[in-house]
Amino acid sequence: MSTDDTTPDGLIPAAVLASDTPVAVYGYARAKAGGEGRMLGEIQAIIDLTRKEDGCEQYVVHTTPDQPGAFAFYERWSSGAHLLAHVSQPFMQTYFAAIAGLVEGELEAHWLHPLS
């Protein structure tokens, strides 16, 4: 976890958090063998909560039947401040702690800046 214990180390660059324009990310995570069902449950538990947050423009998680335990995320936030508020939510702290031992390797995140 990062020094402020809000997100895994290095997941969100400082420039993204400082953005006063919309920010988006697509990410990927794979569950360790045997942890697929638990990870799915942890992800499903945060979807509706996240979508109700101020500044959440889009939050979608995908999976595929031919790769059980593989999850692709797409998020769009109105600003970096909204994203920071999101990852600081108590339910997100619980989520990050719960998946820490379930994820194979590192969470993968690719930060995007809208062209318009």
Protein backbone atom coordinates (compact mmCIF):
# COMPACT_ATOMS: atom_id res chain seq x y z
CA MET A 1 0.00 0.00 0.00
CA SER A 2 1.06 3.59 -0.47
CA THR A 3 2.31 5.70 2.39
CA ASP A 4 -1.17 7.11 2.96
CA ASP A 5 -2.70 3.60 2.82
CA THR A 6 -5.30 4.54 0.23
CA THR A 7 -4.12 2.61 -2.81
CA PRO A 8 -1.53 0.02 -3.75
CA ASP A 9 1.88 1.64 -4.22
CA GLY A 10 2.28 3.57 -7.45
CA LEU A 11 -1.20 2.79 -8.75
CA ILE A 12 -2.27 6.43 -9.24
CA PRO A 13 0.29 8.96 -10.49
CA ALA A 14 0.38 12.34 -8.71
CA ALA A 15 -0.38 14.16 -12.00
CA VAL A 16 -3.63 12.19 -12.32
CA LEU A 17 -4.68 13.06 -8.78
CA ALA A 18 -3.89 16.74 -9.43
CA SER A 19 -6.00 16.89 -12.61
CA ASP A 20 -8.93 19.31 -12.57
CA THR A 21 -10.24 17.80 -15.81
CA PRO A 22 -11.69 14.31 -16.34
CA VAL A 23 -9.40 11.33 -15.89
CA ALA A 24 -9.96 7.77 -16.96
CA VAL A 25 -8.24 4.46 -16.41
CA TYR A 26 -8.46 0.99 -17.79
CA GLY A 27 -7.02 -1.72 -15.66
CA TYR A 28 -6.58 -5.43 -15.44
CA ALA A 29 -6.33 -7.89 -12.59
CA ARG A 30 -6.17 -11.65 -12.46
CA ALA A 31 -7.12 -13.70 -9.42
CA LYS A 32 -4.78 -16.33 -8.07
CA ALA A 33 -5.90 -19.89 -8.73
CA GLY A 34 -8.61 -20.80 -6.27
CA GLY A 35 -9.43 -17.17 -5.45
CA GLU A 36 -11.54 -16.40 -8.50
CA GLY A 37 -14.91 -16.58 -6.73
CA ARG A 38 -13.82 -14.53 -3.75
CA MET A 39 -12.29 -11.85 -5.96
CA LEU A 40 -15.46 -11.71 -8.06
CA GLY A 41 -17.47 -11.19 -4.87
CA GLU A 42 -15.17 -8.39 -3.68
CA ILE A 43 -15.47 -6.63 -7.04
CA GLN A 44 -19.24 -7.02 -7.20
CA ALA A 45 -19.52 -5.53 -3.69
CA ILE A 46 -18.04 -2.19 -4.79
CA ILE A 47 -19.66 -1.64 -8.20
CA ASP A 48 -22.93 -0.02 -7.10
CA LEU A 49 -21.26 1.93 -4.29
CA THR A 50 -18.70 3.33 -6.73
CA ARG A 51 -21.27 4.28 -9.37
CA LYS A 52 -23.16 6.36 -6.77
CA GLU A 53 -20.12 8.46 -5.86
CA ASP A 54 -19.86 12.12 -6.73
CA GLY A 55 -17.71 12.53 -9.84
CA CYS A 56 -18.04 8.95 -11.07
CA GLU A 57 -18.92 9.28 -14.74
CA GLN A 58 -18.43 5.62 -15.62
CA TYR A 59 -17.38 2.47 -13.78
CA VAL A 60 -17.55 -0.85 -15.63
CA VAL A 61 -15.94 -4.20 -14.90
CA HIS A 62 -15.72 -6.98 -17.48
CA THR A 63 -14.77 -10.64 -17.37
CA THR A 64 -14.76 -13.44 -19.91
CA PRO A 65 -15.85 -17.07 -19.60
CA ASP A 66 -12.68 -18.38 -21.26
CA GLN A 67 -10.45 -16.66 -18.65
CA PRO A 68 -12.05 -17.18 -15.23
CA GLY A 69 -10.60 -14.84 -12.66
CA ALA A 70 -9.52 -12.22 -15.22
CA PHE A 71 -11.11 -8.79 -14.73
CA ALA A 72 -10.87 -5.66 -16.89
CA PHE A 73 -11.91 -2.32 -15.41
CA TYR A 74 -12.81 1.01 -17.01
CA GLU A 75 -13.36 4.11 -14.87
CA ARG A 76 -13.91 7.77 -15.71
CA TRP A 77 -13.89 10.45 -13.02
CA SER A 78 -14.72 14.16 -13.30
CA SER A 79 -11.34 15.09 -11.79
CA GLY A 80 -8.38 13.75 -9.89
CA ALA A 81 -9.95 15.02 -6.67
CA HIS A 82 -13.00 12.85 -7.31
CA LEU A 83 -10.77 9.84 -7.91
CA LEU A 84 -8.85 10.55 -4.70
CA ALA A 85 -12.12 10.78 -2.77
CA HIS A 86 -13.11 7.41 -4.28
CA VAL A 87 -9.96 5.52 -3.29
CA SER A 88 -10.18 7.08 0.18
CA GLN A 89 -13.66 5.69 0.85
CA PRO A 90 -13.79 3.16 3.71
CA PHE A 91 -15.33 0.55 1.41
CA MET A 92 -12.39 0.95 -0.97
CA GLN A 93 -9.93 0.52 1.90
CA THR A 94 -11.72 -2.73 2.76
CA TYR A 95 -11.63 -3.76 -0.92
CA PHE A 96 -7.90 -3.09 -1.37
CA ALA A 97 -7.12 -5.03 1.82
CA ALA A 98 -9.33 -7.94 0.73
CA ILE A 99 -7.87 -8.32 -2.75
CA ALA A 100 -4.23 -7.84 -1.72
CA GLY A 101 -3.80 -11.59 -1.25
CA LEU A 102 -6.08 -12.56 -4.13
CA VAL A 103 -4.42 -10.80 -7.07
CA GLU A 104 -1.88 -12.67 -9.18
CA GLY A 105 0.99 -10.21 -9.63
CA GLU A 106 0.22 -6.49 -9.58
CA LEU A 107 -2.90 -4.56 -10.43
CA GLU A 108 -2.38 -3.11 -13.90
CA ALA A 109 -3.54 0.47 -14.57
CA HIS A 110 -3.28 2.61 -17.72
CA TRP A 111 -4.22 6.25 -17.20
CA LEU A 112 -6.02 8.11 -19.96
CA HIS A 113 -6.65 11.79 -20.63
CA PRO A 114 -9.67 12.62 -22.80
CA LEU A 115 -8.91 14.45 -26.03
CA SER A 116 -12.07 16.50 -25.72
